[in-house]
Amino acid sequence: MLRLIAFVLVPLALVTGAAAAALGGPSPGVMTGWDGAVDGSSGVRYVALPGAGTTAVAAVRTSDGRVLRYMTIRGAYGIPLVAYDGTTEGISRDGKTLVLADAGASQNQTRFAVLRTAPLRRKQSFTLPGRWSYDALSPDARTMYAIQYLNAGPNLRYNVRAVSLLTGKPIGGSIVDKRNPDEQMNGSPWSRARSADAAWAYTLYAKPDGTAFVHALDTAHRRAFCVDLPWRSTPEAISAVRLALESDGRALVLSKPGVGKLAIVDTQSLKVESLAKP
């Protein structure tokens, strides 16, 4: 136990995104060591620690750093990163489920592991053909949303898909904005905000042409909306913008340190009020 505690307290690697970076595309990869993912309701931090062909998962109390429980699973996994600002996810709304993503995903297959958090043990693991990355969980933790990559290279194309955590298989086809179903998603995720009920995942994407949009994913009803932002900037400027929901959840605020509010998105109408340029 003492050895494990020391292992947890010494950061290993901030981001295991080398594979994602090499293959191109929007996924920031996974996090091993460091901050992991926090279940705010229970005050527990979950950290994935790589070993020789295995991954140790530790549940650490945030108040004093005490390791409450731990387990080891076969394979290389990490806590899913969902934005390049370091935002991690993978914990269900009720705190009972933790999803780990493949730390060595290839173009041929991608693995995911689903854990029960108390007691900490593996519920199941599954493999999807091709390259995928974690995106979000539904409020009931029965559905995982994932990015399915359709090709490789600089002009990467990808779809958002729903995957059953009961069967480990995709559900239905790609999830698109039905207002513009033929528009293809591309770009990189820089910031993420979740609604209080965990139903909505809002992600700021920067596109290669310097424009940006907010991807609004309704994880409770398997639908999505793309909200174009009225800016033409550079990826570097967009990368500093952060998302936050106002307390009532009716407004999504885009802001930048040193500048303040840049835009407000009405989460009901999905209309944008632009206040300043990045």
C-alpha atoms as a PDB file:
ATOM      1  CA  MET A   1       0.000   0.000   0.000  1.00  0.00           C
ATOM      2  CA  LEU A   2       2.787   2.475   0.849  1.00  0.00           C
ATOM      3  CA  ARG A   3       4.407   1.767  -2.478  1.00  0.00           C
ATOM      4  CA  LEU A   4       1.142   2.453  -4.305  1.00  0.00           C
ATOM      5  CA  ILE A   5       0.598   5.711  -2.378  1.00  0.00           C
ATOM      6  CA  ALA A   6       4.041   6.931  -3.386  1.00  0.00           C
ATOM      7  CA  PHE A   7       3.310   5.910  -6.946  1.00  0.00           C
ATOM      8  CA  VAL A   8       0.116   7.973  -6.982  1.00  0.00           C
ATOM      9  CA  LEU A   9       1.724  11.055  -5.484  1.00  0.00           C
ATOM     10  CA  VAL A  10       4.487  11.194  -8.098  1.00  0.00           C
ATOM     11  CA  PRO A  11       3.044  12.391 -11.439  1.00  0.00           C
ATOM     12  CA  LEU A  12       3.819  10.066 -14.313  1.00  0.00           C
ATOM     13  CA  ALA A  13       2.742  11.723 -17.539  1.00  0.00           C
ATOM     14  CA  LEU A  14       0.428  14.645 -18.022  1.00  0.00           C
ATOM     15  CA  VAL A  15      -0.974  13.450 -21.331  1.00  0.00           C
ATOM     16  CA  THR A  16      -0.501  10.223 -23.233  1.00  0.00           C
ATOM     17  CA  GLY A  17      -1.445  11.775 -26.545  1.00  0.00           C
ATOM     18  CA  ALA A  18       1.492  10.684 -28.650  1.00  0.00           C
ATOM     19  CA  ALA A  19      -0.527   8.108 -30.546  1.00  0.00           C
ATOM     20  CA  ALA A  20      -3.361  10.567 -31.146  1.00  0.00           C
ATOM     21  CA  ALA A  21      -0.982  13.267 -32.301  1.00  0.00           C
ATOM     22  CA  ALA A  22       0.827  10.903 -34.629  1.00  0.00           C
ATOM     23  CA  LEU A  23      -2.404   9.731 -36.225  1.00  0.00           C
ATOM     24  CA  GLY A  24      -3.814  13.242 -36.488  1.00  0.00           C
ATOM     25  CA  GLY A  25      -7.278  14.370 -35.535  1.00  0.00           C
ATOM     26  CA  PRO A  26      -9.153  16.033 -32.718  1.00  0.00           C
ATOM     27  CA  SER A  27      -8.614  13.604 -29.844  1.00  0.00           C
ATOM     28  CA  PRO A  28      -6.261  14.874 -27.107  1.00  0.00           C
ATOM     29  CA  GLY A  29      -5.667  11.243 -26.091  1.00  0.00           C
ATOM     30  CA  VAL A  30      -5.755  10.064 -22.484  1.00  0.00           C
ATOM     31  CA  MET A  31      -4.266  11.140 -19.171  1.00  0.00           C
ATOM     32  CA  THR A  32      -2.093   8.838 -17.083  1.00  0.00           C
ATOM     33  CA  GLY A  33      -1.060   9.930 -13.617  1.00  0.00           C
ATOM     34  CA  TRP A  34      -1.423  13.588 -12.696  1.00  0.00           C
ATOM     35  CA  ASP A  35      -4.918  14.856 -11.944  1.00  0.00           C
ATOM     36  CA  GLY A  36      -6.986  12.044 -13.424  1.00  0.00           C
ATOM     37  CA  ALA A  37     -10.737  12.662 -13.177  1.00  0.00           C
ATOM     38  CA  VAL A  38     -12.648  13.848 -10.113  1.00  0.00           C
ATOM     39  CA  ASP A  39     -16.086  12.750  -8.957  1.00  0.00           C
ATOM     40  CA  GLY A  40     -17.171  15.980  -7.278  1.00  0.00           C
ATOM     41  CA  SER A  41     -20.136  14.409  -5.492  1.00  0.00           C
ATOM     42  CA  SER A  42     -17.965  11.963  -3.535  1.00  0.00           C
ATOM     43  CA  GLY A  43     -14.710  13.908  -3.420  1.00  0.00           C
ATOM     44  CA  VAL A  44     -12.767  11.073  -5.051  1.00  0.00           C
ATOM     45  CA  ARG A  45     -10.130  11.359  -7.767  1.00  0.00           C
ATOM     46  CA  TYR A  46      -9.528   8.433 -10.118  1.00  0.00           C
ATOM     47  CA  VAL A  47      -6.013   8.088 -11.522  1.00  0.00           C
ATOM     48  CA  ALA A  48      -4.751   5.602 -14.129  1.00  0.00           C
ATOM     49  CA  LEU A  49      -1.162   4.452 -13.660  1.00  0.00           C
ATOM     50  CA  PRO A  50       0.616   2.548 -16.453  1.00  0.00           C
ATOM     51  CA  GLY A  51       2.590  -0.613 -15.773  1.00  0.00           C
ATOM     52  CA  ALA A  52       4.197  -3.418 -17.773  1.00  0.00           C
ATOM     53  CA  GLY A  53       1.240  -4.471 -19.897  1.00  0.00           C
ATOM     54  CA  THR A  54      -1.199  -3.445 -17.175  1.00  0.00           C
ATOM     55  CA  THR A  55      -2.924  -0.351 -15.790  1.00  0.00           C
ATOM     56  CA  ALA A  56      -3.398   0.340 -12.084  1.00  0.00           C
ATOM     57  CA  VAL A  57      -6.439   2.437 -11.202  1.00  0.00           C
ATOM     58  CA  ALA A  58      -6.489   4.234  -7.859  1.00  0.00           C
ATOM     59  CA  ALA A  59      -9.356   6.007  -6.107  1.00  0.00           C
ATOM     60  CA  VAL A  60      -7.820   8.872  -4.116  1.00  0.00           C
ATOM     61  CA  ARG A  61      -9.679  11.053  -1.622  1.00  0.00           C
ATOM     62  CA  THR A  62      -9.270  14.673  -2.703  1.00  0.00           C
ATOM     63  CA  SER A  63      -9.349  16.097   0.830  1.00  0.00           C
ATOM     64  CA  ASP A  64      -6.199  14.367   2.099  1.00  0.00           C
ATOM     65  CA  GLY A  65      -4.754  12.275  -0.769  1.00  0.00           C
ATOM     66  CA  ARG A  66      -5.520   8.955   0.905  1.00  0.00           C
ATOM     67  CA  VAL A  67      -5.801   5.966  -1.452  1.00  0.00           C
ATOM     68  CA  LEU A  68      -9.204   4.473  -0.720  1.00  0.00           C
ATOM     69  CA  ARG A  69      -9.085   1.535  -3.143  1.00  0.00           C
ATOM     70  CA  TYR A  70      -7.184   0.359  -6.189  1.00  0.00           C
ATOM     71  CA  MET A  71      -7.135  -2.372  -8.793  1.00  0.00           C
ATOM     72  CA  THR A  72      -5.084  -3.553 -11.769  1.00  0.00           C
ATOM     73  CA  ILE A  73      -6.403  -4.444 -15.197  1.00  0.00           C
ATOM     74  CA  ARG A  74      -4.594  -5.932 -18.166  1.00  0.00           C
ATOM     75  CA  GLY A  75      -3.853  -3.535 -21.030  1.00  0.00           C
ATOM     76  CA  ALA A  76      -2.838   0.114 -21.450  1.00  0.00           C
ATOM     77  CA  TYR A  77      -5.633   2.503 -20.517  1.00  0.00           C
ATOM     78  CA  GLY A  78      -5.979   6.091 -19.367  1.00  0.00           C
ATOM     79  CA  ILE A  79      -8.525   8.646 -18.202  1.00  0.00           C
ATOM     80  CA  PRO A  80     -10.210  10.120 -21.310  1.00  0.00           C
ATOM     81  CA  LEU A  81      -9.244  13.663 -22.257  1.00  0.00           C
ATOM     82  CA  VAL A  82     -12.041  15.489 -24.070  1.00  0.00           C
ATOM     83  CA  ALA A  83     -10.385  18.867 -24.755  1.00  0.00           C
ATOM     84  CA  TYR A  84      -6.898  20.222 -25.175  1.00  0.00           C
ATOM     85  CA  ASP A  85      -7.343  22.483 -22.137  1.00  0.00           C
ATOM     86  CA  GLY A  86      -6.870  19.344 -20.024  1.00  0.00           C
ATOM     87  CA  THR A  87     -10.538  18.565 -19.330  1.00  0.00           C
ATOM     88  CA  THR A  88     -11.045  14.903 -18.429  1.00  0.00           C
ATOM     89  CA  GLU A  89     -14.228  12.855 -18.228  1.00  0.00           C
ATOM     90  CA  GLY A  90     -15.257   9.224 -17.928  1.00  0.00           C
ATOM     91  CA  ILE A  91     -17.102   9.285 -14.575  1.00  0.00           C
ATOM     92  CA  SER A  92     -20.865   8.783 -14.642  1.00  0.00           C
ATOM     93  CA  ARG A  93     -23.227  11.294 -13.076  1.00  0.00           C
ATOM     94  CA  ASP A  94     -23.947   9.007 -10.113  1.00  0.00           C
ATOM     95  CA  GLY A  95     -20.233   8.287  -9.637  1.00  0.00           C
ATOM     96  CA  LYS A  96     -20.720   4.516  -9.902  1.00  0.00           C
ATOM     97  CA  THR A  97     -19.148   3.975 -13.337  1.00  0.00           C
ATOM     98  CA  LEU A  98     -15.740   4.894 -14.737  1.00  0.00           C
ATOM     99  CA  VAL A  99     -14.827   4.465 -18.408  1.00  0.00           C
ATOM    100  CA  LEU A 100     -11.173   4.155 -19.400  1.00  0.00           C
ATOM    101  CA  ALA A 101      -9.968   4.676 -22.975  1.00  0.00           C
ATOM    102  CA  ASP A 102      -7.243   2.932 -24.939  1.00  0.00           C
ATOM    103  CA  ALA A 103      -3.821   4.508 -24.358  1.00  0.00           C
ATOM    104  CA  GLY A 104      -2.365   2.898 -27.459  1.00  0.00           C
ATOM    105  CA  ALA A 105      -5.182   3.102 -29.976  1.00  0.00           C
ATOM    106  CA  SER A 106      -4.302   2.217 -33.563  1.00  0.00           C
ATOM    107  CA  GLN A 107      -6.051   2.579 -36.888  1.00  0.00           C
ATOM    108  CA  ASN A 108      -7.176  -1.055 -36.610  1.00  0.00           C
ATOM    109  CA  GLN A 109      -8.905  -1.247 -33.237  1.00  0.00           C
ATOM    110  CA  THR A 110      -9.670   0.729 -30.070  1.00  0.00           C
ATOM    111  CA  ARG A 111     -10.324  -0.700 -26.610  1.00  0.00           C
ATOM    112  CA  PHE A 112     -12.414   0.647 -23.753  1.00  0.00           C
ATOM    113  CA  ALA A 113     -12.769  -0.626 -20.177  1.00  0.00           C
ATOM    114  CA  VAL A 114     -15.825  -0.028 -17.985  1.00  0.00           C
ATOM    115  CA  LEU A 115     -15.232  -0.117 -14.213  1.00  0.00           C
ATOM    116  CA  ARG A 116     -17.463  -0.151 -11.183  1.00  0.00           C
ATOM    117  CA  THR A 117     -16.104   2.421  -8.716  1.00  0.00           C
ATOM    118  CA  ALA A 118     -17.206   0.965  -5.357  1.00  0.00           C
ATOM    119  CA  PRO A 119     -15.917  -1.639  -5.008  1.00  0.00           C
ATOM    120  CA  LEU A 120     -13.390  -0.822  -7.713  1.00  0.00           C
ATOM    121  CA  ARG A 121     -13.553  -3.639 -10.249  1.00  0.00           C
ATOM    122  CA  ARG A 122     -13.943  -4.234 -13.972  1.00  0.00           C
ATOM    123  CA  LYS A 123     -17.494  -4.581 -15.268  1.00  0.00           C
ATOM    124  CA  GLN A 124     -16.522  -5.234 -18.870  1.00  0.00           C
ATOM    125  CA  SER A 125     -14.184  -4.278 -21.675  1.00  0.00           C
ATOM    126  CA  PHE A 126     -14.843  -4.128 -25.400  1.00  0.00           C
ATOM    127  CA  THR A 127     -13.037  -3.431 -28.646  1.00  0.00           C
ATOM    128  CA  LEU A 128     -14.325  -1.346 -31.545  1.00  0.00           C
ATOM    129  CA  PRO A 129     -12.935  -1.929 -35.042  1.00  0.00           C
ATOM    130  CA  GLY A 130     -10.974   1.025 -36.379  1.00  0.00           C
ATOM    131  CA  ARG A 131      -9.890   4.133 -34.523  1.00  0.00           C
ATOM    132  CA  TRP A 132     -12.204   5.747 -31.953  1.00  0.00           C
ATOM    133  CA  SER A 133     -11.919   8.180 -29.050  1.00  0.00           C
ATOM    134  CA  TYR A 134     -14.121   8.819 -26.017  1.00  0.00           C
ATOM    135  CA  ASP A 135     -16.399  11.880 -26.072  1.00  0.00           C
ATOM    136  CA  ALA A 136     -19.065  11.733 -23.318  1.00  0.00           C
ATOM    137  CA  LEU A 137     -21.389   9.604 -21.182  1.00  0.00           C
ATOM    138  CA  SER A 138     -25.182   9.724 -20.989  1.00  0.00           C
ATOM    139  CA  PRO A 139     -26.711  10.675 -17.597  1.00  0.00           C
ATOM    140  CA  ASP A 140     -27.766   7.053 -16.961  1.00  0.00           C
ATOM    141  CA  ALA A 141     -24.289   5.731 -17.918  1.00  0.00           C
ATOM    142  CA  ARG A 142     -25.792   3.278 -20.393  1.00  0.00           C
ATOM    143  CA  THR A 143     -24.489   5.051 -23.477  1.00  0.00           C
ATOM    144  CA  MET A 144     -20.994   6.229 -24.340  1.00  0.00           C
ATOM    145  CA  TYR A 145     -20.543   8.781 -27.094  1.00  0.00           C
ATOM    146  CA  ALA A 146     -17.404   8.383 -29.149  1.00  0.00           C
ATOM    147  CA  ILE A 147     -15.637   9.885 -32.135  1.00  0.00           C
ATOM    148  CA  GLN A 148     -15.263   7.429 -35.009  1.00  0.00           C
ATOM    149  CA  TYR A 149     -12.446   8.330 -37.403  1.00  0.00           C
ATOM    150  CA  LEU A 150     -13.183   7.704 -41.057  1.00  0.00           C
ATOM    151  CA  ASN A 151      -9.698   8.335 -42.438  1.00  0.00           C
ATOM    152  CA  ALA A 152      -6.238   9.518 -41.468  1.00  0.00           C
ATOM    153  CA  GLY A 153      -4.100  12.474 -42.486  1.00  0.00           C
ATOM    154  CA  PRO A 154      -4.504  16.266 -42.520  1.00  0.00           C
ATOM    155  CA  ASN A 155      -8.061  16.261 -43.938  1.00  0.00           C
ATOM    156  CA  LEU A 156      -9.451  14.035 -41.217  1.00  0.00           C
ATOM    157  CA  ARG A 157     -13.152  13.176 -41.266  1.00  0.00           C
ATOM    158  CA  TYR A 158     -15.019  11.722 -38.329  1.00  0.00           C
ATOM    159  CA  ASN A 159     -18.476  10.959 -36.972  1.00  0.00           C
ATOM    160  CA  VAL A 160     -20.047  11.138 -33.520  1.00  0.00           C
ATOM    161  CA  ARG A 161     -21.539   7.776 -32.576  1.00  0.00           C
ATOM    162  CA  ALA A 162     -23.435   6.297 -29.650  1.00  0.00           C
ATOM    163  CA  VAL A 163     -22.101   3.051 -28.160  1.00  0.00           C
ATOM    164  CA  SER A 164     -24.000   0.837 -25.731  1.00  0.00           C
ATOM    165  CA  LEU A 165     -22.079   0.150 -22.532  1.00  0.00           C
ATOM    166  CA  LEU A 166     -24.229  -2.946 -22.059  1.00  0.00           C
ATOM    167  CA  THR A 167     -23.219  -4.622 -25.326  1.00  0.00           C
ATOM    168  CA  GLY A 168     -20.100  -2.670 -26.324  1.00  0.00           C
ATOM    169  CA  LYS A 169     -21.567  -2.097 -29.789  1.00  0.00           C
ATOM    170  CA  PRO A 170     -22.494   1.092 -31.688  1.00  0.00           C
ATOM    171  CA  ILE A 171     -26.148   2.147 -31.684  1.00  0.00           C
ATOM    172  CA  GLY A 172     -27.614   3.506 -34.888  1.00  0.00           C
ATOM    173  CA  GLY A 173     -25.728   5.713 -37.309  1.00  0.00           C
ATOM    174  CA  SER A 174     -23.774   8.935 -36.933  1.00  0.00           C
ATOM    175  CA  ILE A 175     -25.248  11.689 -34.789  1.00  0.00           C
ATOM    176  CA  VAL A 176     -25.501  14.867 -36.866  1.00  0.00           C
ATOM    177  CA  ASP A 177     -27.157  18.253 -36.721  1.00  0.00           C
ATOM    178  CA  LYS A 178     -30.397  17.513 -38.565  1.00  0.00           C
ATOM    179  CA  ARG A 179     -30.617  21.160 -39.597  1.00  0.00           C
ATOM    180  CA  ASN A 180     -27.575  20.564 -41.807  1.00  0.00           C
ATOM    181  CA  PRO A 181     -27.090  16.787 -42.047  1.00  0.00           C
ATOM    182  CA  ASP A 182     -24.569  16.892 -44.896  1.00  0.00           C
ATOM    183  CA  GLU A 183     -22.071  19.106 -43.077  1.00  0.00           C
ATOM    184  CA  GLN A 184     -18.977  17.182 -42.021  1.00  0.00           C
ATOM    185  CA  MET A 185     -17.361  17.799 -38.641  1.00  0.00           C
ATOM    186  CA  ASN A 186     -13.703  18.716 -38.491  1.00  0.00           C
ATOM    187  CA  GLY A 187     -11.483  20.595 -36.109  1.00  0.00           C
ATOM    188  CA  SER A 188      -9.939  20.179 -32.666  1.00  0.00           C
ATOM    189  CA  PRO A 189     -11.683  20.409 -29.258  1.00  0.00           C
ATOM    190  CA  TRP A 190     -10.250  23.127 -27.019  1.00  0.00           C
ATOM    191  CA  SER A 191     -12.735  23.472 -24.178  1.00  0.00           C
ATOM    192  CA  ARG A 192     -15.682  21.561 -22.666  1.00  0.00           C
ATOM    193  CA  ALA A 193     -18.597  22.473 -20.407  1.00  0.00           C
ATOM    194  CA  ARG A 194     -21.272  20.092 -19.053  1.00  0.00           C
ATOM    195  CA  SER A 195     -24.784  20.936 -17.906  1.00  0.00           C
ATOM    196  CA  ALA A 196     -25.643  20.357 -14.235  1.00  0.00           C
ATOM    197  CA  ASP A 197     -27.822  17.349 -15.098  1.00  0.00           C
ATOM    198  CA  ALA A 198     -25.023  15.875 -17.260  1.00  0.00           C
ATOM    199  CA  ALA A 199     -27.391  15.755 -20.250  1.00  0.00           C
ATOM    200  CA  TRP A 200     -25.551  18.272 -22.435  1.00  0.00           C
ATOM    201  CA  ALA A 201     -21.903  18.357 -23.442  1.00  0.00           C
ATOM    202  CA  TYR A 202     -20.774  21.615 -25.043  1.00  0.00           C
ATOM    203  CA  THR A 203     -17.420  21.536 -26.825  1.00  0.00           C
ATOM    204  CA  LEU A 204     -15.557  24.384 -28.496  1.00  0.00           C
ATOM    205  CA  TYR A 205     -13.928  23.266 -31.751  1.00  0.00           C
ATOM    206  CA  ALA A 206     -11.330  25.203 -33.732  1.00  0.00           C
ATOM    207  CA  LYS A 207     -11.354  24.407 -37.453  1.00  0.00           C
ATOM    208  CA  PRO A 208      -8.265  24.361 -39.685  1.00  0.00           C
ATOM    209  CA  ASP A 209      -9.524  27.414 -41.606  1.00  0.00           C
ATOM    210  CA  GLY A 210      -9.429  29.558 -38.438  1.00  0.00           C
ATOM    211  CA  THR A 211     -13.166  29.507 -37.770  1.00  0.00           C
ATOM    212  CA  ALA A 212     -14.788  27.870 -34.752  1.00  0.00           C
ATOM    213  CA  PHE A 213     -18.027  26.294 -33.616  1.00  0.00           C
ATOM    214  CA  VAL A 214     -19.645  24.891 -30.485  1.00  0.00           C
ATOM    215  CA  HIS A 215     -20.783  21.273 -30.686  1.00  0.00           C
ATOM    216  CA  ALA A 216     -23.841  20.842 -28.466  1.00  0.00           C
ATOM    217  CA  LEU A 217     -24.392  17.136 -27.769  1.00  0.00           C
ATOM    218  CA  ASP A 218     -27.589  16.019 -26.051  1.00  0.00           C
ATOM    219  CA  THR A 219     -26.349  12.839 -24.404  1.00  0.00           C
ATOM    220  CA  ALA A 220     -29.799  11.989 -23.050  1.00  0.00           C
ATOM    221  CA  HIS A 221     -31.533  11.897 -26.446  1.00  0.00           C
ATOM    222  CA  ARG A 222     -28.713  11.158 -28.941  1.00  0.00           C
ATOM    223  CA  ARG A 223     -28.904  14.395 -30.886  1.00  0.00           C
ATOM    224  CA  ALA A 224     -26.449  17.162 -31.686  1.00  0.00           C
ATOM    225  CA  PHE A 225     -26.326  20.751 -32.888  1.00  0.00           C
ATOM    226  CA  CYS A 226     -23.432  22.693 -34.383  1.00  0.00           C
ATOM    227  CA  VAL A 227     -23.379  26.391 -33.472  1.00  0.00           C
ATOM    228  CA  ASP A 228     -21.128  28.397 -35.772  1.00  0.00           C
ATOM    229  CA  LEU A 229     -19.276  31.280 -34.138  1.00  0.00           C
ATOM    230  CA  PRO A 230     -19.037  34.631 -35.985  1.00  0.00           C
ATOM    231  CA  TRP A 231     -15.238  34.785 -35.863  1.00  0.00           C
ATOM    232  CA  ARG A 232     -12.390  34.384 -38.281  1.00  0.00           C
ATOM    233  CA  SER A 233      -9.252  34.090 -36.260  1.00  0.00           C
ATOM    234  CA  THR A 234      -6.288  31.774 -35.844  1.00  0.00           C
ATOM    235  CA  PRO A 235      -6.245  28.405 -34.083  1.00  0.00           C
ATOM    236  CA  GLU A 236      -3.872  29.898 -31.530  1.00  0.00           C
ATOM    237  CA  ALA A 237      -6.409  32.572 -30.569  1.00  0.00           C
ATOM    238  CA  ILE A 238      -9.293  30.115 -30.372  1.00  0.00           C
ATOM    239  CA  SER A 239      -7.240  27.740 -28.227  1.00  0.00           C
ATOM    240  CA  ALA A 240      -7.241  30.239 -25.342  1.00  0.00           C
ATOM    241  CA  VAL A 241     -11.046  30.553 -25.273  1.00  0.00           C
ATOM    242  CA  ARG A 242     -12.882  28.728 -22.490  1.00  0.00           C
ATOM    243  CA  LEU A 243     -16.500  27.618 -22.041  1.00  0.00           C
ATOM    244  CA  ALA A 244     -18.626  27.952 -18.913  1.00  0.00           C
ATOM    245  CA  LEU A 245     -22.337  27.627 -18.226  1.00  0.00           C
ATOM    246  CA  GLU A 246     -24.134  30.241 -16.170  1.00  0.00           C
ATOM    247  CA  SER A 247     -25.720  28.932 -12.977  1.00  0.00           C
ATOM    248  CA  ASP A 248     -29.193  28.527 -14.485  1.00  0.00           C
ATOM    249  CA  GLY A 249     -27.775  26.707 -17.501  1.00  0.00           C
ATOM    250  CA  ARG A 250     -29.532  28.972 -19.998  1.00  0.00           C
ATOM    251  CA  ALA A 251     -26.388  30.666 -21.272  1.00  0.00           C
ATOM    252  CA  LEU A 252     -23.043  29.306 -22.414  1.00  0.00           C
ATOM    253  CA  VAL A 253     -20.321  31.906 -21.965  1.00  0.00           C
ATOM    254  CA  LEU A 254     -17.170  31.979 -24.086  1.00  0.00           C
ATOM    255  CA  SER A 255     -14.385  33.984 -22.487  1.00  0.00           C
ATOM    256  CA  LYS A 256     -10.655  34.536 -22.670  1.00  0.00           C
ATOM    257  CA  PRO A 257      -8.243  35.432 -19.822  1.00  0.00           C
ATOM    258  CA  GLY A 258      -7.309  39.095 -19.956  1.00  0.00           C
ATOM    259  CA  VAL A 259     -10.102  39.862 -22.404  1.00  0.00           C
ATOM    260  CA  GLY A 260     -13.303  38.747 -20.690  1.00  0.00           C
ATOM    261  CA  LYS A 261     -16.509  37.580 -22.339  1.00  0.00           C
ATOM    262  CA  LEU A 262     -16.302  37.073 -26.078  1.00  0.00           C
ATOM    263  CA  ALA A 263     -19.713  35.600 -26.826  1.00  0.00           C
ATOM    264  CA  ILE A 264     -22.844  34.188 -25.213  1.00  0.00           C
ATOM    265  CA  VAL A 265     -24.802  31.260 -26.622  1.00  0.00           C
ATOM    266  CA  ASP A 266     -28.452  30.898 -25.603  1.00  0.00           C
ATOM    267  CA  THR A 267     -28.716  27.183 -24.821  1.00  0.00           C
ATOM    268  CA  GLN A 268     -32.441  27.159 -25.659  1.00  0.00           C
ATOM    269  CA  SER A 269     -32.405  28.886 -29.041  1.00  0.00           C
ATOM    270  CA  LEU A 270     -28.712  28.192 -29.788  1.00  0.00           C
ATOM    271  CA  LYS A 271     -28.353  31.785 -30.986  1.00  0.00           C
ATOM    272  CA  VAL A 272     -25.016  33.566 -30.534  1.00  0.00           C
ATOM    273  CA  GLU A 273     -24.450  37.064 -29.211  1.00  0.00           C
ATOM    274  CA  SER A 274     -20.952  38.157 -30.173  1.00  0.00           C
ATOM    275  CA  LEU A 275     -19.297  40.605 -27.771  1.00  0.00           C
ATOM    276  CA  ALA A 276     -15.680  40.717 -28.925  1.00  0.00           C
ATOM    277  CA  LYS A 277     -13.174  38.968 -31.172  1.00  0.00           C
ATOM    278  CA  PRO A 278     -10.665  36.482 -29.754  1.00  0.00           C
END
